[in-house]
């Protein structure tokens, strides 16, 4: 790795409809094969479904879902003396939010039989209510980190 200085974090520009950076991050993660307009359409339809079902602003529901789904601890493999240990590490909020977005999209894609906008809306509403596959994945990650707490001294 280069040791020339601090790397400046680049944020994507806010999205067109809601003016929110989180929504644009979600669009960029949802996009496949460079088809950004398709990803925008899917996400905006999902947010419209959330607004009709919940009766709340969809961006606030999305923010709550990401906040609920973001992990605080994860395990990282460390090799010490020929053995590999799963060492629990703390995660900063920005990295946790990125992981939560990834998990929400994975859970939505794993659902079958409905359009992507409906699957994504369902997953976001469930995550905002602390239910669903995304929250289960976060709990499993926390349990794994808690179970390997004995190896925390290998963190460096």
N, C-alpha and C. Protein backbone atom coordinates (compact mmCIF):
# COMPACT_ATOMS: atom_id res chain seq x y z
N UNK A 1 0.84 -1.19 0.00
CA UNK A 1 0.00 0.00 0.00
C UNK A 1 0.88 1.25 0.00
N UNK A 2 0.45 2.26 -0.70
CA UNK A 2 1.18 3.52 -0.74
C UNK A 2 1.02 4.25 0.58
N UNK A 3 2.08 4.95 0.97
CA UNK A 3 2.05 5.66 2.26
C UNK A 3 2.21 7.15 2.04
N UNK A 4 1.59 7.65 1.03
CA UNK A 4 1.80 9.04 0.67
C UNK A 4 0.86 10.03 1.34
N UNK A 5 -0.18 9.60 1.99
CA UNK A 5 -1.06 10.56 2.64
C UNK A 5 -2.45 10.01 2.78
N UNK A 6 -3.31 10.81 3.34
CA UNK A 6 -4.69 10.41 3.57
C UNK A 6 -5.45 10.37 2.25
N UNK A 7 -6.30 9.39 2.13
CA UNK A 7 -7.16 9.28 0.96
C UNK A 7 -8.47 9.98 1.28
N UNK A 8 -8.89 10.87 0.40
CA UNK A 8 -10.15 11.58 0.63
C UNK A 8 -11.31 10.70 0.20
N UNK A 9 -12.32 10.64 1.05
CA UNK A 9 -13.50 9.82 0.79
C UNK A 9 -14.38 10.55 -0.22
N UNK A 10 -14.72 9.85 -1.31
CA UNK A 10 -15.59 10.44 -2.32
C UNK A 10 -17.02 9.98 -2.09
N UNK A 11 -17.92 10.90 -1.95
CA UNK A 11 -19.33 10.57 -1.80
C UNK A 11 -20.03 10.71 -3.15
N UNK A 12 -20.98 9.84 -3.45
CA UNK A 12 -21.73 10.03 -4.69
C UNK A 12 -22.64 11.25 -4.57
N UNK A 13 -22.95 11.83 -5.70
CA UNK A 13 -23.84 12.99 -5.67
C UNK A 13 -25.24 12.55 -5.26
N UNK A 14 -25.99 13.44 -4.59
CA UNK A 14 -27.35 13.07 -4.17
C UNK A 14 -28.23 12.72 -5.36
N UNK A 15 -29.22 11.86 -5.11
CA UNK A 15 -30.09 11.44 -6.22
C UNK A 15 -31.01 12.57 -6.64
N UNK A 16 -31.64 12.39 -7.78
CA UNK A 16 -32.43 13.46 -8.39
C UNK A 16 -33.74 13.70 -7.67
N UNK A 17 -34.44 12.65 -7.33
CA UNK A 17 -35.81 12.77 -6.82
C UNK A 17 -35.85 13.21 -5.36
N UNK A 18 -35.04 12.58 -4.50
CA UNK A 18 -35.10 12.85 -3.06
C UNK A 18 -33.95 13.72 -2.56
N UNK A 19 -32.91 13.89 -3.36
CA UNK A 19 -31.77 14.71 -2.94
C UNK A 19 -31.02 14.09 -1.76
N UNK A 20 -30.93 12.76 -1.74
CA UNK A 20 -30.34 12.04 -0.62
C UNK A 20 -29.16 11.21 -1.11
N UNK A 21 -28.05 11.26 -0.37
CA UNK A 21 -26.86 10.51 -0.73
C UNK A 21 -27.06 9.02 -0.50
N UNK A 22 -27.80 8.65 0.55
CA UNK A 22 -28.03 7.24 0.85
C UNK A 22 -28.81 6.57 -0.28
N UNK A 23 -29.79 7.26 -0.81
CA UNK A 23 -30.58 6.72 -1.92
C UNK A 23 -29.70 6.52 -3.15
N UNK A 24 -28.79 7.46 -3.41
CA UNK A 24 -27.90 7.30 -4.57
C UNK A 24 -26.91 6.16 -4.35
N UNK A 25 -26.46 5.94 -3.10
CA UNK A 25 -25.60 4.79 -2.82
C UNK A 25 -26.35 3.49 -3.09
N UNK A 26 -27.60 3.45 -2.68
CA UNK A 26 -28.42 2.25 -2.90
C UNK A 26 -28.65 2.01 -4.39
N UNK A 27 -28.87 3.08 -5.14
CA UNK A 27 -29.04 2.94 -6.60
C UNK A 27 -27.77 2.37 -7.22
N UNK A 28 -26.61 2.88 -6.80
CA UNK A 28 -25.35 2.41 -7.37
C UNK A 28 -25.08 0.95 -7.02
N UNK A 29 -25.46 0.51 -5.82
CA UNK A 29 -25.27 -0.89 -5.45
C UNK A 29 -26.27 -1.80 -6.16
N UNK A 30 -27.47 -1.27 -6.43
CA UNK A 30 -28.52 -2.04 -7.08
C UNK A 30 -28.24 -2.23 -8.58
N UNK A 31 -27.50 -1.28 -9.15
CA UNK A 31 -27.25 -1.27 -10.58
C UNK A 31 -26.48 -2.50 -11.04
N UNK A 32 -26.90 -3.09 -12.13
CA UNK A 32 -26.20 -4.21 -12.74
C UNK A 32 -25.92 -3.87 -14.21
N UNK A 33 -24.71 -4.21 -14.64
CA UNK A 33 -24.27 -4.01 -16.03
C UNK A 33 -24.38 -2.56 -16.49
N UNK A 34 -24.22 -1.60 -15.59
CA UNK A 34 -24.21 -0.18 -15.95
C UNK A 34 -25.56 0.42 -16.25
N UNK A 35 -26.64 -0.30 -15.95
CA UNK A 35 -27.98 0.20 -16.27
C UNK A 35 -28.52 0.99 -15.09
N UNK A 36 -28.09 2.23 -14.98
CA UNK A 36 -28.45 3.06 -13.83
C UNK A 36 -29.91 3.50 -13.88
N UNK A 37 -30.43 3.79 -15.04
CA UNK A 37 -31.82 4.24 -15.13
C UNK A 37 -32.78 3.12 -14.72
N UNK A 38 -32.43 1.89 -15.02
CA UNK A 38 -33.25 0.76 -14.59
C UNK A 38 -33.21 0.63 -13.07
N UNK A 39 -32.02 0.78 -12.49
CA UNK A 39 -31.89 0.70 -11.04
C UNK A 39 -32.65 1.83 -10.36
N UNK A 40 -32.59 3.02 -10.93
CA UNK A 40 -33.35 4.15 -10.38
C UNK A 40 -34.84 3.85 -10.41
N UNK A 41 -35.32 3.32 -11.52
CA UNK A 41 -36.74 3.01 -11.64
C UNK A 41 -37.18 1.99 -10.61
N UNK A 42 -36.38 0.95 -10.41
CA UNK A 42 -36.72 -0.09 -9.44
C UNK A 42 -36.76 0.49 -8.03
N UNK A 43 -35.73 1.28 -7.68
CA UNK A 43 -35.68 1.82 -6.32
C UNK A 43 -36.79 2.84 -6.08
N UNK A 44 -37.05 3.70 -7.06
CA UNK A 44 -38.12 4.70 -6.88
C UNK A 44 -39.49 4.03 -6.79
N UNK A 45 -39.70 2.94 -7.53
CA UNK A 45 -40.95 2.19 -7.39
C UNK A 45 -41.05 1.55 -6.01
N UNK A 46 -39.94 1.02 -5.52
CA UNK A 46 -39.93 0.42 -4.18
C UNK A 46 -40.24 1.47 -3.12
N UNK A 47 -39.65 2.66 -3.25
CA UNK A 47 -39.91 3.72 -2.27
C UNK A 47 -41.36 4.21 -2.35
N UNK A 48 -41.93 4.19 -3.55
CA UNK A 48 -43.34 4.56 -3.70
C UNK A 48 -44.24 3.52 -3.03
N UNK A 49 -43.89 2.24 -3.17
CA UNK A 49 -44.66 1.18 -2.50
C UNK A 49 -44.57 1.34 -0.99
N UNK A 50 -43.38 1.66 -0.49
CA UNK A 50 -43.20 1.87 0.95
C UNK A 50 -44.05 3.03 1.43
N UNK A 51 -44.10 4.11 0.66
CA UNK A 51 -44.88 5.28 1.05
C UNK A 51 -46.37 4.97 1.12
N UNK A 52 -46.87 4.16 0.17
CA UNK A 52 -48.30 3.82 0.20
C UNK A 52 -48.62 2.86 1.34
N UNK A 53 -47.69 1.92 1.64
CA UNK A 53 -47.96 0.95 2.69
C UNK A 53 -47.80 1.54 4.08
N UNK A 54 -46.75 2.31 4.29
CA UNK A 54 -46.41 2.79 5.63
C UNK A 54 -47.06 4.13 5.96
N UNK A 55 -47.26 4.96 4.96
CA UNK A 55 -47.82 6.28 5.22
C UNK A 55 -46.80 7.24 5.80
N UNK A 56 -45.52 6.88 5.76
CA UNK A 56 -44.43 7.73 6.25
C UNK A 56 -43.56 8.12 5.07
N UNK A 57 -42.70 9.12 5.25
CA UNK A 57 -41.76 9.43 4.17
C UNK A 57 -40.84 8.23 3.90
N UNK A 58 -40.72 7.80 2.66
CA UNK A 58 -39.97 6.57 2.37
C UNK A 58 -38.48 6.67 2.68
N UNK A 59 -37.92 7.88 2.57
CA UNK A 59 -36.48 8.02 2.85
C UNK A 59 -36.20 7.79 4.33
N UNK A 60 -37.11 8.23 5.20
CA UNK A 60 -36.90 8.01 6.64
C UNK A 60 -37.02 6.52 6.98
N UNK A 61 -37.93 5.82 6.31
CA UNK A 61 -38.05 4.36 6.51
C UNK A 61 -36.77 3.67 6.04
N UNK A 62 -36.24 4.11 4.90
CA UNK A 62 -35.00 3.54 4.38
C UNK A 62 -33.83 3.79 5.34
N UNK A 63 -33.73 5.02 5.84
CA UNK A 63 -32.65 5.36 6.78
C UNK A 63 -32.75 4.50 8.04
N UNK A 64 -33.98 4.30 8.54
CA UNK A 64 -34.19 3.48 9.73
C UNK A 64 -33.81 2.03 9.46
N UNK A 65 -34.14 1.53 8.27
CA UNK A 65 -33.81 0.15 7.92
C UNK A 65 -32.30 -0.04 7.86
N UNK A 66 -31.59 0.90 7.29
CA UNK A 66 -30.13 0.80 7.20
C UNK A 66 -29.51 0.91 8.59
N UNK A 67 -30.06 1.77 9.41
CA UNK A 67 -29.56 1.92 10.78
C UNK A 67 -29.78 0.64 11.58
N UNK A 68 -30.94 0.00 11.42
CA UNK A 68 -31.23 -1.24 12.14
C UNK A 68 -30.39 -2.41 11.64
N UNK A 69 -30.07 -2.42 10.34
CA UNK A 69 -29.37 -3.56 9.76
C UNK A 69 -27.86 -3.45 9.84
N UNK A 70 -27.32 -2.28 10.17
CA UNK A 70 -25.87 -2.13 10.14
C UNK A 70 -25.22 -2.80 11.35
N UNK A 71 -24.21 -3.64 11.11
CA UNK A 71 -23.56 -4.35 12.21
C UNK A 71 -22.58 -3.44 12.95
N UNK A 72 -22.37 -3.75 14.22
CA UNK A 72 -21.40 -3.02 15.03
C UNK A 72 -20.08 -3.79 15.14
N UNK A 73 -20.16 -5.12 15.08
CA UNK A 73 -19.00 -5.99 15.17
C UNK A 73 -19.01 -6.99 14.03
N UNK A 74 -17.83 -7.38 13.59
CA UNK A 74 -17.68 -8.45 12.61
C UNK A 74 -16.46 -9.26 12.97
N UNK A 75 -16.32 -10.41 12.38
CA UNK A 75 -15.11 -11.20 12.58
C UNK A 75 -14.24 -11.09 11.33
N UNK A 76 -12.92 -11.07 11.58
CA UNK A 76 -11.96 -11.01 10.50
C UNK A 76 -10.94 -12.10 10.74
N UNK A 77 -10.57 -12.82 9.70
CA UNK A 77 -9.63 -13.92 9.83
C UNK A 77 -8.22 -13.37 10.02
N UNK A 78 -7.54 -13.85 11.07
CA UNK A 78 -6.15 -13.48 11.33
C UNK A 78 -5.33 -14.77 11.43
N UNK A 79 -4.21 -14.78 10.77
CA UNK A 79 -3.35 -15.96 10.81
C UNK A 79 -2.23 -15.71 11.82
N UNK A 80 -2.20 -16.51 12.87
CA UNK A 80 -1.20 -16.36 13.93
C UNK A 80 -0.56 -17.72 14.16
N UNK A 81 0.73 -17.82 13.89
CA UNK A 81 1.49 -19.03 14.18
C UNK A 81 0.94 -20.28 13.50
N UNK A 82 0.51 -20.17 12.25
CA UNK A 82 0.01 -21.33 11.54
C UNK A 82 -1.45 -21.63 11.75
N UNK A 83 -2.09 -20.94 12.69
CA UNK A 83 -3.52 -21.15 12.93
C UNK A 83 -4.28 -19.89 12.51
N UNK A 84 -5.48 -20.09 12.01
CA UNK A 84 -6.31 -18.97 11.61
C UNK A 84 -7.39 -18.76 12.66
N UNK A 85 -7.47 -17.55 13.19
CA UNK A 85 -8.45 -17.21 14.22
C UNK A 85 -9.46 -16.22 13.64
N UNK A 86 -10.71 -16.35 14.06
CA UNK A 86 -11.73 -15.37 13.72
C UNK A 86 -11.72 -14.31 14.80
N UNK A 87 -11.16 -13.16 14.50
CA UNK A 87 -10.96 -12.11 15.49
C UNK A 87 -12.08 -11.08 15.34
N UNK A 88 -12.82 -10.77 16.42
CA UNK A 88 -13.86 -9.76 16.32
C UNK A 88 -13.27 -8.35 16.23
N UNK A 89 -13.80 -7.56 15.32
CA UNK A 89 -13.37 -6.17 15.17
C UNK A 89 -14.60 -5.27 15.15
N UNK A 90 -14.42 -4.04 15.62
CA UNK A 90 -15.49 -3.06 15.57
C UNK A 90 -15.53 -2.42 14.19
N UNK A 91 -16.72 -2.01 13.79
CA UNK A 91 -16.92 -1.42 12.48
C UNK A 91 -17.40 0.03 12.66
N UNK A 92 -16.83 0.95 11.89
CA UNK A 92 -17.32 2.31 11.96
C UNK A 92 -18.67 2.44 11.26
N UNK A 93 -19.37 3.52 11.50
CA UNK A 93 -20.76 3.65 11.06
C UNK A 93 -20.89 3.65 9.53
N UNK A 94 -19.94 4.28 8.83
CA UNK A 94 -20.05 4.33 7.37
C UNK A 94 -19.89 2.95 6.74
N UNK A 95 -18.92 2.19 7.22
CA UNK A 95 -18.72 0.83 6.73
C UNK A 95 -19.92 -0.04 7.09
N UNK A 96 -20.47 0.14 8.30
CA UNK A 96 -21.64 -0.61 8.71
C UNK A 96 -22.84 -0.34 7.82
N UNK A 97 -23.02 0.93 7.44
CA UNK A 97 -24.13 1.28 6.55
C UNK A 97 -23.94 0.65 5.17
N UNK A 98 -22.70 0.62 4.67
CA UNK A 98 -22.45 -0.01 3.37
C UNK A 98 -22.74 -1.51 3.42
N UNK A 99 -22.35 -2.15 4.51
CA UNK A 99 -22.62 -3.58 4.66
C UNK A 99 -24.12 -3.82 4.75
N UNK A 100 -24.84 -2.93 5.47
CA UNK A 100 -26.29 -3.07 5.60
C UNK A 100 -26.98 -2.95 4.24
N UNK A 101 -26.54 -2.01 3.42
CA UNK A 101 -27.11 -1.86 2.07
C UNK A 101 -26.87 -3.13 1.27
N UNK A 102 -25.65 -3.68 1.36
CA UNK A 102 -25.33 -4.91 0.63
C UNK A 102 -26.23 -6.06 1.10
N UNK A 103 -26.42 -6.19 2.41
CA UNK A 103 -27.25 -7.27 2.95
C UNK A 103 -28.71 -7.11 2.55
N UNK A 104 -29.23 -5.88 2.56
CA UNK A 104 -30.62 -5.63 2.17
C UNK A 104 -30.83 -6.07 0.72
N UNK A 105 -29.89 -5.70 -0.16
CA UNK A 105 -30.03 -6.08 -1.57
C UNK A 105 -29.89 -7.59 -1.77
N UNK A 106 -28.98 -8.23 -1.03
CA UNK A 106 -28.86 -9.69 -1.14
C UNK A 106 -30.14 -10.38 -0.70
N UNK A 107 -30.72 -9.92 0.41
CA UNK A 107 -31.94 -10.54 0.91
C UNK A 107 -33.10 -10.32 -0.06
N UNK A 108 -33.17 -9.12 -0.64
CA UNK A 108 -34.24 -8.84 -1.59
C UNK A 108 -34.09 -9.69 -2.85
N UNK A 109 -32.86 -9.87 -3.31
CA UNK A 109 -32.63 -10.66 -4.52
C UNK A 109 -32.91 -12.14 -4.27
N UNK A 110 -32.74 -12.60 -3.03
CA UNK A 110 -32.95 -14.02 -2.75
C UNK A 110 -34.43 -14.38 -2.65
N UNK A 111 -35.31 -13.38 -2.48
CA UNK A 111 -36.75 -13.66 -2.49
C UNK A 111 -37.17 -14.01 -3.90
N UNK A 112 -38.15 -14.90 -4.03
CA UNK A 112 -38.54 -15.36 -5.37
C UNK A 112 -39.99 -15.02 -5.67
N UNK A 113 -40.28 -14.90 -6.96
CA UNK A 113 -41.65 -14.85 -7.43
C UNK A 113 -42.32 -13.50 -7.51
N UNK A 114 -41.61 -12.41 -7.25
CA UNK A 114 -42.21 -11.08 -7.32
C UNK A 114 -41.27 -10.15 -8.06
N UNK A 115 -41.76 -9.00 -8.52
CA UNK A 115 -40.87 -8.03 -9.14
C UNK A 115 -39.87 -7.48 -8.11
N UNK A 116 -38.73 -7.02 -8.60
CA UNK A 116 -37.66 -6.56 -7.70
C UNK A 116 -38.10 -5.38 -6.85
N UNK A 117 -38.91 -4.50 -7.37
CA UNK A 117 -39.35 -3.33 -6.59
C UNK A 117 -40.16 -3.78 -5.37
N UNK A 118 -41.02 -4.79 -5.55
CA UNK A 118 -41.83 -5.30 -4.44
C UNK A 118 -40.95 -6.01 -3.42
N UNK A 119 -40.00 -6.82 -3.92
CA UNK A 119 -39.10 -7.54 -3.01
C UNK A 119 -38.25 -6.57 -2.20
N UNK A 120 -37.76 -5.52 -2.86
CA UNK A 120 -36.93 -4.53 -2.17
C UNK A 120 -37.74 -3.73 -1.16
N UNK A 121 -38.96 -3.36 -1.52
CA UNK A 121 -39.83 -2.64 -0.60
C UNK A 121 -40.14 -3.48 0.64
N UNK A 122 -40.42 -4.75 0.43
CA UNK A 122 -40.72 -5.66 1.55
C UNK A 122 -39.52 -5.79 2.47
N UNK A 123 -38.34 -5.94 1.89
CA UNK A 123 -37.13 -6.11 2.71
C UNK A 123 -36.81 -4.83 3.49
N UNK A 124 -37.00 -3.67 2.88
CA UNK A 124 -36.72 -2.41 3.57
C UNK A 124 -37.70 -2.20 4.71
N UNK A 125 -38.99 -2.47 4.49
CA UNK A 125 -39.97 -2.28 5.56
C UNK A 125 -39.73 -3.27 6.70
N UNK A 126 -39.37 -4.52 6.37
CA UNK A 126 -39.07 -5.49 7.43
C UNK A 126 -37.84 -5.08 8.22
N UNK A 127 -36.81 -4.58 7.54
CA UNK A 127 -35.60 -4.16 8.24
C UNK A 127 -35.86 -2.94 9.12
N UNK A 128 -36.77 -2.07 8.69
CA UNK A 128 -37.07 -0.90 9.52
C UNK A 128 -37.85 -1.29 10.77
N UNK A 129 -38.52 -2.44 10.72
CA UNK A 129 -39.26 -2.94 11.89
C UNK A 129 -38.47 -3.99 12.66
N UNK A 130 -37.17 -4.13 12.35
CA UNK A 130 -36.26 -5.11 12.98
C UNK A 130 -36.75 -6.54 12.79
N UNK A 131 -37.11 -6.88 11.56
CA UNK A 131 -37.51 -8.23 11.20
C UNK A 131 -36.82 -8.59 9.89
N UNK A 132 -36.96 -9.82 9.46
CA UNK A 132 -36.52 -10.22 8.13
C UNK A 132 -35.12 -10.81 8.10
N UNK A 133 -34.72 -11.19 6.88
CA UNK A 133 -33.45 -11.87 6.67
C UNK A 133 -32.25 -10.99 6.96
N UNK A 134 -32.35 -9.70 6.67
CA UNK A 134 -31.23 -8.80 6.90
C UNK A 134 -30.90 -8.68 8.38
N UNK A 135 -31.93 -8.56 9.20
CA UNK A 135 -31.71 -8.44 10.65
C UNK A 135 -31.19 -9.75 11.20
N UNK A 136 -31.66 -10.87 10.65
CA UNK A 136 -31.15 -12.18 11.08
C UNK A 136 -29.66 -12.30 10.76
N UNK A 137 -29.26 -11.80 9.60
CA UNK A 137 -27.85 -11.84 9.22
C UNK A 137 -27.00 -10.99 10.17
N UNK A 138 -27.52 -9.81 10.55
CA UNK A 138 -26.79 -8.96 11.50
C UNK A 138 -26.66 -9.65 12.85
N UNK A 139 -27.74 -10.29 13.32
CA UNK A 139 -27.69 -10.99 14.60
C UNK A 139 -26.70 -12.15 14.55
N UNK A 140 -26.68 -12.89 13.43
CA UNK A 140 -25.72 -13.99 13.29
C UNK A 140 -24.28 -13.47 13.32
N UNK A 141 -24.05 -12.33 12.68
CA UNK A 141 -22.71 -11.74 12.68
C UNK A 141 -22.29 -11.33 14.09
N UNK A 142 -23.23 -10.74 14.84
CA UNK A 142 -22.93 -10.34 16.22
C UNK A 142 -22.68 -11.57 17.10
N UNK A 143 -23.46 -12.64 16.88
CA UNK A 143 -23.24 -13.86 17.66
C UNK A 143 -21.88 -14.46 17.38
N UNK A 144 -21.46 -14.45 16.11
CA UNK A 144 -20.15 -14.97 15.74
C UNK A 144 -19.04 -14.15 16.41
N UNK A 145 -19.19 -12.84 16.42
CA UNK A 145 -18.19 -11.98 17.06
C UNK A 145 -18.16 -12.21 18.56
N UNK A 146 -19.32 -12.40 19.15
CA UNK A 146 -19.40 -12.64 20.60
C UNK A 146 -18.79 -13.99 20.95
N UNK A 147 -19.01 -15.00 20.12
CA UNK A 147 -18.47 -16.33 20.39
C UNK A 147 -16.94 -16.35 20.29
N UNK A 148 -16.38 -15.50 19.46
CA UNK A 148 -14.93 -15.45 19.28
C UNK A 148 -14.28 -14.31 20.05
N UNK A 149 -14.95 -13.84 21.09
CA UNK A 149 -14.43 -12.73 21.89
C UNK A 149 -13.10 -13.09 22.55
N UNK A 150 -12.85 -14.38 22.78
CA UNK A 150 -11.61 -14.82 23.42
C UNK A 150 -10.39 -14.50 22.56
N UNK A 151 -10.58 -14.33 21.25
CA UNK A 151 -9.46 -14.05 20.37
C UNK A 151 -9.29 -12.56 20.09
N UNK A 152 -9.96 -11.72 20.86
CA UNK A 152 -9.90 -10.28 20.62
C UNK A 152 -8.50 -9.71 20.81
N UNK A 153 -7.67 -10.40 21.59
CA UNK A 153 -6.32 -9.87 21.83
C UNK A 153 -5.41 -10.04 20.61
N UNK A 154 -5.86 -10.76 19.58
CA UNK A 154 -5.09 -10.86 18.34
C UNK A 154 -5.36 -9.70 17.38
N UNK A 155 -6.20 -8.78 17.81
CA UNK A 155 -6.53 -7.63 16.96
C UNK A 155 -5.32 -6.69 16.90
N UNK A 156 -4.95 -6.25 15.70
CA UNK A 156 -3.91 -5.25 15.58
C UNK A 156 -4.10 -4.41 14.36
